[in-house]
Each structure stands twice: as C-alpha cells, then as structure tokens.
Amino acid sequence: KDLTAEVARAFGPSGLGICAVRGIPNLQEIRQKLLPQARELALLSPEKLARYELPEAQYCTGWSRGREKFKGKPDLAKGSFYANPLFEDPADGDEAIRAKYPWGTCRNVWPEELPELAQAFKDMARLMYEAAKPLVRQCDLLVEAQHLGHGQKLFEATFTNSRMCS
C-alpha cells in the first residue's frame, strides 16, 4: 500500500514528525512476554543491577539509572535497559571498532537472574525493526520524489549497512 501521502503529512512542514503503525501481528503476545520481564528487572536489587551497568559503553548497553541529568540532577525517576536486538556483538569482534564506537558496539549483557529477558527483548525489538521497514521505505520514496537520486539511502543506512540497533 502506498502511504506516501500519510508520510508526507506526518513529516512535512506542518507535520508533527509522528507516524503510528497499527495492526502489527503478534504485538500483544510479544508485549505480554516482555513487560513482566521488564518489571522483574527493575525490581532487582541495586547491587545486582550494578553488575549490568557498563560505563565503558557510556551506559548505552545494559542497565542505566541516574546517569542522565534532569534539571541538573541525576534522573532517578526511571531506569533503562539497552541491548542490540540483532547482534550480540555489534563490533563482530573488531576491538578497533569497539574502541572507536563504545556506545554502540559493546557486547550485550543479559541479567542471569532473568533467563527469559533476552529472548523477550529480542522478539519485541525484531518485531519493531520489521514494522519500521515499510515506513522507512515510504520515507525514501517521499524524499526521492523531491530529490532525484536519493533512492533508498535511508533504508540502506538503517537496515542494510548498520549493526547499531541499541
């Protein structure tokens, strides 16, 4: 289905830059598996959670709480867990790449206390990743219509050439 008009409206001069994707198969089932795991993660003791903090990844992989600032103070109102859902090792063993891009190439770290978290996280992220593909293709079509030669640059950069999904 051609959604160029909807994408143009969302991302055009008067748009909010928001597109809602509906009707994603299996979303509720996958969500029901992930959310309880997320709750259990958040309820782990601070000592256990600290084992999954990765300062060497600038807290962009693993657990992060209070590392971001809000109004000049550590934001303790939320915790976040980051992982790359497609690649356990985004650097594919290349330590030079890991040193250059530590925030996006650190190996995933999964809490041993929650053995089902990794699969639930990956399932949800892969679902989102696949759901985004048609939207990104539509964005490329919109840009191509206004800038000949653009082609599928956004799609290629996002889905073909990148290993950074966290």
Foldseek 3Di string as FASTA:
>chain_A
DQCLVVLCQQPPPPHPVDDDDDDQPPQVVLCVLQVVLVVVLVPDDPVLQVVQQDVQLVRLAGKDAQSDDDPRGRHRVDMDHHAQLPDQFLVVPPVVVCNVNVNFGDGHDDRPVRVSNNVSVSVNLVSVVVSCLVVLQSVQVNVCVVPPPSHSVSNCVPPPPGSGDD
